[in-house]
Amino acid sequence: MCLGIPGQVVAISDVDNKLGIVDISGVQKEVNLACVVDGSHSLDDCIGSWVLIHVGFAMARIDENEAQATLQLLRELAGARE
């Protein structure tokens, strides 16, 4: 089973390698944005976007409501585990 974590792109860190900084619940990580860049979405268009992250890659763009709902569910799961 794979788990994708929502995060918001806050900056582009390496244009040549299509890397960006993504904020995931207050933790910032560098991720590869190549999978979410195409003819209609440039690298610069990623800033402010919500993406689904898996093993260091932004796999898909998602809307903010979906991202917030997923983050809330993950917080609830973490709370149940405690």
PDB file of N, CA and C in Angstrom:
ATOM      1  N   MET A   1       0.842  -1.180   0.000  1.00  0.00           N
ATOM      2  CA  MET A   1       0.000   0.000   0.000  1.00  0.00           C
ATOM      3  C   MET A   1       0.886   1.241   0.000  1.00  0.00           C
ATOM      4  N   CYS A   2       0.520   2.212  -0.774  1.00  0.00           N
ATOM      5  CA  CYS A   2       1.264   3.467  -0.857  1.00  0.00           C
ATOM      6  C   CYS A   2       0.492   4.558  -0.129  1.00  0.00           C
ATOM      7  N   LEU A   3       1.219   5.459   0.459  1.00  0.00           N
ATOM      8  CA  LEU A   3       0.598   6.577   1.150  1.00  0.00           C
ATOM      9  C   LEU A   3       1.130   7.871   0.567  1.00  0.00           C
ATOM     10  N   GLY A   4       0.235   8.714   0.104  1.00  0.00           N
ATOM     11  CA  GLY A   4       0.606  10.028  -0.402  1.00  0.00           C
ATOM     12  C   GLY A   4       0.238  11.070   0.650  1.00  0.00           C
ATOM     13  N   ILE A   5       1.135  11.985   0.893  1.00  0.00           N
ATOM     14  CA  ILE A   5       0.927  13.023   1.897  1.00  0.00           C
ATOM     15  C   ILE A   5       0.746  14.364   1.190  1.00  0.00           C
ATOM     16  N   PRO A   6      -0.306  15.120   1.537  1.00  0.00           N
ATOM     17  CA  PRO A   6      -0.489  16.438   0.924  1.00  0.00           C
ATOM     18  C   PRO A   6       0.517  17.461   1.458  1.00  0.00           C
ATOM     19  N   GLY A   7       0.958  18.319   0.569  1.00  0.00           N
ATOM     20  CA  GLY A   7       1.831  19.416   0.942  1.00  0.00           C
ATOM     21  C   GLY A   7       1.629  20.576  -0.018  1.00  0.00           C
ATOM     22  N   GLN A   8       2.024  21.768   0.421  1.00  0.00           N
ATOM     23  CA  GLN A   8       1.884  22.957  -0.415  1.00  0.00           C
ATOM     24  C   GLN A   8       3.251  23.428  -0.866  1.00  0.00           C
ATOM     25  N   VAL A   9       3.392  23.633  -2.169  1.00  0.00           N
ATOM     26  CA  VAL A   9       4.653  24.105  -2.732  1.00  0.00           C
ATOM     27  C   VAL A   9       4.848  25.566  -2.330  1.00  0.00           C
ATOM     28  N   VAL A  10       5.989  25.857  -1.686  1.00  0.00           N
ATOM     29  CA  VAL A  10       6.248  27.219  -1.215  1.00  0.00           C
ATOM     30  C   VAL A  10       7.375  27.912  -1.978  1.00  0.00           C
ATOM     31  N   ALA A  11       8.213  27.133  -2.676  1.00  0.00           N
ATOM     32  CA  ALA A  11       9.327  27.740  -3.416  1.00  0.00           C
ATOM     33  C   ALA A  11       9.883  26.734  -4.417  1.00  0.00           C
ATOM     34  N   ILE A  12      10.571  27.259  -5.408  1.00  0.00           N
ATOM     35  CA  ILE A  12      11.310  26.432  -6.358  1.00  0.00           C
ATOM     36  C   ILE A  12      12.773  26.501  -5.925  1.00  0.00           C
ATOM     37  N   SER A  13      13.390  25.342  -5.723  1.00  0.00           N
ATOM     38  CA  SER A  13      14.769  25.329  -5.228  1.00  0.00           C
ATOM     39  C   SER A  13      15.800  25.008  -6.303  1.00  0.00           C
ATOM     40  N   ASP A  14      15.402  24.316  -7.366  1.00  0.00           N
ATOM     41  CA  ASP A  14      16.335  23.941  -8.431  1.00  0.00           C
ATOM     42  C   ASP A  14      15.549  23.813  -9.738  1.00  0.00           C
ATOM     43  N   VAL A  15      15.633  24.829 -10.572  1.00  0.00           N
ATOM     44  CA  VAL A  15      14.871  24.863 -11.820  1.00  0.00           C
ATOM     45  C   VAL A  15      15.304  23.739 -12.752  1.00  0.00           C
ATOM     46  N   ASP A  16      16.600  23.527 -12.915  1.00  0.00           N
ATOM     47  CA  ASP A  16      17.101  22.526 -13.854  1.00  0.00           C
ATOM     48  C   ASP A  16      16.627  21.112 -13.521  1.00  0.00           C
ATOM     49  N   ASN A  17      16.545  20.795 -12.233  1.00  0.00           N
ATOM     50  CA  ASN A  17      16.135  19.457 -11.807  1.00  0.00           C
ATOM     51  C   ASN A  17      14.675  19.381 -11.369  1.00  0.00           C
ATOM     52  N   LYS A  18      13.946  20.490 -11.549  1.00  0.00           N
ATOM     53  CA  LYS A  18      12.518  20.572 -11.214  1.00  0.00           C
ATOM     54  C   LYS A  18      12.244  20.203  -9.755  1.00  0.00           C
ATOM     55  N   LEU A  19      13.014  20.813  -8.857  1.00  0.00           N
ATOM     56  CA  LEU A  19      12.848  20.575  -7.430  1.00  0.00           C
ATOM     57  C   LEU A  19      12.209  21.787  -6.770  1.00  0.00           C
ATOM     58  N   GLY A  20      11.385  21.515  -5.777  1.00  0.00           N
ATOM     59  CA  GLY A  20      10.749  22.594  -5.045  1.00  0.00           C
ATOM     60  C   GLY A  20      10.693  22.280  -3.568  1.00  0.00           C
ATOM     61  N   ILE A  21      10.434  23.298  -2.782  1.00  0.00           N
ATOM     62  CA  ILE A  21      10.263  23.155  -1.342  1.00  0.00           C
ATOM     63  C   ILE A  21       8.765  23.070  -1.069  1.00  0.00           C
ATOM     64  N   VAL A  22       8.375  22.016  -0.351  1.00  0.00           N
ATOM     65  CA  VAL A  22       6.970  21.782  -0.038  1.00  0.00           C
ATOM     66  C   VAL A  22       6.799  21.796   1.470  1.00  0.00           C
ATOM     67  N   ASP A  23       5.774  22.503   1.921  1.00  0.00           N
ATOM     68  CA  ASP A  23       5.435  22.548   3.341  1.00  0.00           C
ATOM     69  C   ASP A  23       4.414  21.451   3.628  1.00  0.00           C
ATOM     70  N   ILE A  24       4.778  20.563   4.538  1.00  0.00           N
ATOM     71  CA  ILE A  24       3.911  19.458   4.933  1.00  0.00           C
ATOM     72  C   ILE A  24       3.634  19.621   6.423  1.00  0.00           C
ATOM     73  N   SER A  25       2.525  20.240   6.747  1.00  0.00           N
ATOM     74  CA  SER A  25       2.139  20.466   8.150  1.00  0.00           C
ATOM     75  C   SER A  25       3.243  21.136   8.945  1.00  0.00           C
ATOM     76  N   GLY A  26       3.874  22.136   8.355  1.00  0.00           N
ATOM     77  CA  GLY A  26       4.903  22.896   9.053  1.00  0.00           C
ATOM     78  C   GLY A  26       6.322  22.396   8.849  1.00  0.00           C
ATOM     79  N   VAL A  27       6.484  21.242   8.231  1.00  0.00           N
ATOM     80  CA  VAL A  27       7.805  20.694   7.936  1.00  0.00           C
ATOM     81  C   VAL A  27       8.076  20.919   6.457  1.00  0.00           C
ATOM     82  N   GLN A  28       9.223  21.508   6.146  1.00  0.00           N
ATOM     83  CA  GLN A  28       9.545  21.777   4.746  1.00  0.00           C
ATOM     84  C   GLN A  28      10.549  20.767   4.223  1.00  0.00           C
ATOM     85  N   LYS A  29      10.224  20.216   3.056  1.00  0.00           N
ATOM     86  CA  LYS A  29      11.058  19.209   2.409  1.00  0.00           C
ATOM     87  C   LYS A  29      11.241  19.566   0.943  1.00  0.00           C
ATOM     88  N   GLU A  30      12.374  19.169   0.399  1.00  0.00           N
ATOM     89  CA  GLU A  30      12.596  19.342  -1.040  1.00  0.00           C
ATOM     90  C   GLU A  30      12.036  18.116  -1.755  1.00  0.00           C
ATOM     91  N   VAL A  31      11.210  18.355  -2.774  1.00  0.00           N
ATOM     92  CA  VAL A  31      10.616  17.258  -3.537  1.00  0.00           C
ATOM     93  C   VAL A  31      10.769  17.519  -5.029  1.00  0.00           C
ATOM     94  N   ASN A  32      10.681  16.464  -5.792  1.00  0.00           N
ATOM     95  CA  ASN A  32      10.753  16.550  -7.242  1.00  0.00           C
ATOM     96  C   ASN A  32       9.367  16.877  -7.780  1.00  0.00           C
ATOM     97  N   LEU A  33       9.262  17.922  -8.586  1.00  0.00           N
ATOM     98  CA  LEU A  33       7.989  18.388  -9.133  1.00  0.00           C
ATOM     99  C   LEU A  33       7.775  17.989 -10.592  1.00  0.00           C
ATOM    100  N   ALA A  34       8.657  17.190 -11.149  1.00  0.00           N
ATOM    101  CA  ALA A  34       8.602  16.861 -12.578  1.00  0.00           C
ATOM    102  C   ALA A  34       7.271  16.238 -12.996  1.00  0.00           C
ATOM    103  N   CYS A  35       6.641  15.462 -12.130  1.00  0.00           N
ATOM    104  CA  CYS A  35       5.388  14.787 -12.488  1.00  0.00           C
ATOM    105  C   CYS A  35       4.189  15.729 -12.547  1.00  0.00           C
ATOM    106  N   VAL A  36       4.304  16.922 -11.981  1.00  0.00           N
ATOM    107  CA  VAL A  36       3.171  17.857 -11.986  1.00  0.00           C
ATOM    108  C   VAL A  36       3.410  19.058 -12.899  1.00  0.00           C
ATOM    109  N   VAL A  37       4.508  19.021 -13.649  1.00  0.00           N
ATOM    110  CA  VAL A  37       4.828  20.077 -14.613  1.00  0.00           C
ATOM    111  C   VAL A  37       4.523  19.548 -16.011  1.00  0.00           C
ATOM    112  N   ASP A  38       3.785  20.345 -16.770  1.00  0.00           N
ATOM    113  CA  ASP A  38       3.488  19.949 -18.147  1.00  0.00           C
ATOM    114  C   ASP A  38       3.259  21.207 -18.983  1.00  0.00           C
ATOM    115  N   GLY A  39       2.733  21.034 -20.168  1.00  0.00           N
ATOM    116  CA  GLY A  39       2.526  22.157 -21.080  1.00  0.00           C
ATOM    117  C   GLY A  39       1.595  23.227 -20.549  1.00  0.00           C
ATOM    118  N   SER A  40       0.662  22.841 -19.687  1.00  0.00           N
ATOM    119  CA  SER A  40      -0.283  23.832 -19.159  1.00  0.00           C
ATOM    120  C   SER A  40       0.049  24.289 -17.739  1.00  0.00           C
ATOM    121  N   HIS A  41       1.034  23.666 -17.096  1.00  0.00           N
ATOM    122  CA  HIS A  41       1.459  24.050 -15.745  1.00  0.00           C
ATOM    123  C   HIS A  41       2.978  24.136 -15.708  1.00  0.00           C
ATOM    124  N   SER A  42       3.496  25.346 -15.633  1.00  0.00           N
ATOM    125  CA  SER A  42       4.948  25.518 -15.584  1.00  0.00           C
ATOM    126  C   SER A  42       5.441  25.277 -14.157  1.00  0.00           C
ATOM    127  N   LEU A  43       6.735  25.229 -14.009  1.00  0.00           N
ATOM    128  CA  LEU A  43       7.342  25.057 -12.697  1.00  0.00           C
ATOM    129  C   LEU A  43       6.946  26.202 -11.766  1.00  0.00           C
ATOM    130  N   ASP A  44       6.977  27.420 -12.283  1.00  0.00           N
ATOM    131  CA  ASP A  44       6.596  28.581 -11.464  1.00  0.00           C
ATOM    132  C   ASP A  44       5.124  28.538 -11.048  1.00  0.00           C
ATOM    133  N   ASP A  45       4.282  27.913 -11.874  1.00  0.00           N
ATOM    134  CA  ASP A  45       2.862  27.771 -11.529  1.00  0.00           C
ATOM    135  C   ASP A  45       2.652  26.867 -10.329  1.00  0.00           C
ATOM    136  N   CYS A  46       3.650  26.080  -9.977  1.00  0.00           N
ATOM    137  CA  CYS A  46       3.525  25.154  -8.841  1.00  0.00           C
ATOM    138  C   CYS A  46       3.479  25.884  -7.499  1.00  0.00           C
ATOM    139  N   ILE A  47       4.104  27.048  -7.419  1.00  0.00           N
ATOM    140  CA  ILE A  47       4.143  27.764  -6.141  1.00  0.00           C
ATOM    141  C   ILE A  47       2.723  28.078  -5.692  1.00  0.00           C
ATOM    142  N   GLY A  48       2.413  27.652  -4.468  1.00  0.00           N
ATOM    143  CA  GLY A  48       1.087  27.838  -3.899  1.00  0.00           C
ATOM    144  C   GLY A  48       0.168  26.654  -4.128  1.00  0.00           C
ATOM    145  N   SER A  49       0.541  25.766  -5.043  1.00  0.00           N
ATOM    146  CA  SER A  49      -0.284  24.594  -5.334  1.00  0.00           C
ATOM    147  C   SER A  49      -0.148  23.538  -4.244  1.00  0.00           C
ATOM    148  N   TRP A  50      -1.211  22.773  -4.066  1.00  0.00           N
ATOM    149  CA  TRP A  50      -1.194  21.607  -3.190  1.00  0.00           C
ATOM    150  C   TRP A  50      -0.901  20.392  -4.061  1.00  0.00           C
ATOM    151  N   VAL A  51      -0.011  19.526  -3.552  1.00  0.00           N
ATOM    152  CA  VAL A  51       0.376  18.334  -4.290  1.00  0.00           C
ATOM    153  C   VAL A  51       0.344  17.131  -3.356  1.00  0.00           C
ATOM    154  N   LEU A  52       0.216  15.965  -3.949  1.00  0.00           N
ATOM    155  CA  LEU A  52       0.259  14.715  -3.212  1.00  0.00           C
ATOM    156  C   LEU A  52       1.663  14.152  -3.355  1.00  0.00           C
ATOM    157  N   ILE A  53       2.353  13.942  -2.237  1.00  0.00           N
ATOM    158  CA  ILE A  53       3.761  13.565  -2.252  1.00  0.00           C
ATOM    159  C   ILE A  53       3.927  12.100  -1.855  1.00  0.00           C
ATOM    160  N   HIS A  54       4.747  11.399  -2.621  1.00  0.00           N
ATOM    161  CA  HIS A  54       5.084  10.012  -2.319  1.00  0.00           C
ATOM    162  C   HIS A  54       6.557   9.803  -2.626  1.00  0.00           C
ATOM    163  N   VAL A  55       7.310   9.321  -1.677  1.00  0.00           N
ATOM    164  CA  VAL A  55       8.755   9.040  -1.771  1.00  0.00           C
ATOM    165  C   VAL A  55       9.545  10.151  -2.465  1.00  0.00           C
ATOM    166  N   GLY A  56       9.283  11.386  -2.074  1.00  0.00           N
ATOM    167  CA  GLY A  56      10.060  12.504  -2.587  1.00  0.00           C
ATOM    168  C   GLY A  56       9.608  13.082  -3.906  1.00  0.00           C
ATOM    169  N   PHE A  57       8.488  12.601  -4.434  1.00  0.00           N
ATOM    170  CA  PHE A  57       7.953  13.100  -5.699  1.00  0.00           C
ATOM    171  C   PHE A  57       6.541  13.630  -5.497  1.00  0.00           C
ATOM    172  N   ALA A  58       6.262  14.787  -6.084  1.00  0.00           N
ATOM    173  CA  ALA A  58       4.895  15.291  -6.146  1.00  0.00           C
ATOM    174  C   ALA A  58       4.226  14.524  -7.276  1.00  0.00           C
ATOM    175  N   MET A  59       3.263  13.663  -6.932  1.00  0.00           N
ATOM    176  CA  MET A  59       2.656  12.766  -7.914  1.00  0.00           C
ATOM    177  C   MET A  59       1.458  13.378  -8.629  1.00  0.00           C
ATOM    178  N   ALA A  60       0.756  14.305  -7.955  1.00  0.00           N
ATOM    179  CA  ALA A  60      -0.440  14.899  -8.549  1.00  0.00           C
ATOM    180  C   ALA A  60      -0.751  16.209  -7.839  1.00  0.00           C
ATOM    181  N   ARG A  61      -1.409  17.089  -8.572  1.00  0.00           N
ATOM    182  CA  ARG A  61      -1.948  18.307  -7.972  1.00  0.00           C
ATOM    183  C   ARG A  61      -3.300  17.952  -7.359  1.00  0.00           C
ATOM    184  N   ILE A  62      -3.579  18.510  -6.182  1.00  0.00           N
ATOM    185  CA  ILE A  62      -4.880  18.305  -5.547  1.00  0.00           C
ATOM    186  C   ILE A  62      -5.398  19.658  -5.086  1.00  0.00           C
ATOM    187  N   ASP A  63      -6.703  19.753  -4.876  1.00  0.00           N
ATOM    188  CA  ASP A  63      -7.228  21.036  -4.418  1.00  0.00           C
ATOM    189  C   ASP A  63      -7.054  21.156  -2.902  1.00  0.00           C
ATOM    190  N   GLU A  64      -7.121  22.378  -2.411  1.00  0.00           N
ATOM    191  CA  GLU A  64      -6.843  22.641  -1.001  1.00  0.00           C
ATOM    192  C   GLU A  64      -7.818  21.916  -0.079  1.00  0.00           C
ATOM    193  N   ASN A  65      -9.088  21.831  -0.452  1.00  0.00           N
ATOM    194  CA  ASN A  65     -10.066  21.141   0.396  1.00  0.00           C
ATOM    195  C   ASN A  65      -9.707  19.674   0.567  1.00  0.00           C
ATOM    196  N   GLU A  66      -9.331  19.035  -0.518  1.00  0.00           N
ATOM    197  CA  GLU A  66      -8.927  17.630  -0.449  1.00  0.00           C
ATOM    198  C   GLU A  66      -7.676  17.473   0.414  1.00  0.00           C
ATOM    199  N   ALA A  67      -6.726  18.389   0.254  1.00  0.00           N
ATOM    200  CA  ALA A  67      -5.490  18.347   1.041  1.00  0.00           C
ATOM    201  C   ALA A  67      -5.802  18.490   2.529  1.00  0.00           C
ATOM    202  N   GLN A  68      -6.635  19.463   2.888  1.00  0.00           N
ATOM    203  CA  GLN A  68      -6.957  19.693   4.303  1.00  0.00           C
ATOM    204  C   GLN A  68      -7.712  18.503   4.899  1.00  0.00           C
ATOM    205  N   ALA A  69      -8.631  17.926   4.135  1.00  0.00           N
ATOM    206  CA  ALA A  69      -9.385  16.770   4.629  1.00  0.00           C
ATOM    207  C   ALA A  69      -8.448  15.584   4.880  1.00  0.00           C
ATOM    208  N   THR A  70      -7.501  15.368   3.976  1.00  0.00           N
ATOM    209  CA  THR A  70      -6.549  14.272   4.133  1.00  0.00           C
ATOM    210  C   THR A  70      -5.637  14.504   5.320  1.00  0.00           C
ATOM    211  N   LEU A  71      -5.149  15.728   5.483  1.00  0.00           N
ATOM    212  CA  LEU A  71      -4.293  16.041   6.634  1.00  0.00           C
ATOM    213  C   LEU A  71      -5.045  15.853   7.944  1.00  0.00           C
ATOM    214  N   GLN A  72      -6.317  16.246   7.980  1.00  0.00           N
ATOM    215  CA  GLN A  72      -7.122  16.064   9.184  1.00  0.00           C
ATOM    216  C   GLN A  72      -7.281  14.576   9.503  1.00  0.00           C
ATOM    217  N   LEU A  73      -7.538  13.769   8.496  1.00  0.00           N
ATOM    218  CA  LEU A  73      -7.663  12.328   8.696  1.00  0.00           C
ATOM    219  C   LEU A  73      -6.363  11.734   9.231  1.00  0.00           C
ATOM    220  N   LEU A  74      -5.236  12.170   8.694  1.00  0.00           N
ATOM    221  CA  LEU A  74      -3.944  11.676   9.176  1.00  0.00           C
ATOM    222  C   LEU A  74      -3.704  12.077  10.629  1.00  0.00           C
ATOM    223  N   ARG A  75      -4.116  13.294  11.002  1.00  0.00           N
ATOM    224  CA  ARG A  75      -3.993  13.722  12.405  1.00  0.00           C
ATOM    225  C   ARG A  75      -4.864  12.853  13.313  1.00  0.00           C
ATOM    226  N   GLU A  76      -6.080  12.534  12.865  1.00  0.00           N
ATOM    227  CA  GLU A  76      -6.971  11.693  13.648  1.00  0.00           C
ATOM    228  C   GLU A  76      -6.407  10.279  13.807  1.00  0.00           C
ATOM    229  N   LEU A  77      -5.839   9.751  12.739  1.00  0.00           N
ATOM    230  CA  LEU A  77      -5.211   8.423  12.823  1.00  0.00           C
ATOM    231  C   LEU A  77      -4.036   8.417  13.794  1.00  0.00           C
ATOM    232  N   ALA A  78      -3.243   9.477  13.751  1.00  0.00           N
ATOM    233  CA  ALA A  78      -2.102   9.580  14.679  1.00  0.00           C
ATOM    234  C   ALA A  78      -2.596   9.670  16.116  1.00  0.00           C
ATOM    235  N   GLY A  79      -3.692  10.398  16.338  1.00  0.00           N
ATOM    236  CA  GLY A  79      -4.258  10.524  17.687  1.00  0.00           C
ATOM    237  C   GLY A  79      -4.811   9.211  18.183  1.00  0.00           C
ATOM    238  N   ALA A  80      -5.425   8.428  17.324  1.00  0.00           N
ATOM    239  CA  ALA A  80      -5.975   7.134  17.709  1.00  0.00           C
ATOM    240  C   ALA A  80      -4.879   6.152  18.080  1.00  0.00           C
ATOM    241  N   ARG A  81      -3.766   6.293  17.455  1.00  0.00           N
ATOM    242  CA  ARG A  81      -2.620   5.410  17.724  1.00  0.00           C
ATOM    243  C   ARG A  81      -2.034   5.663  19.104  1.00  0.00           C
ATOM    244  N   GLU A  82      -2.124   6.901  19.569  1.00  0.00           N
ATOM    245  CA  GLU A  82      -1.567   7.252  20.879  1.00  0.00           C
ATOM    246  C   GLU A  82      -2.480   6.731  21.937  1.00  0.00           C
TER     247      GLU A  82
END
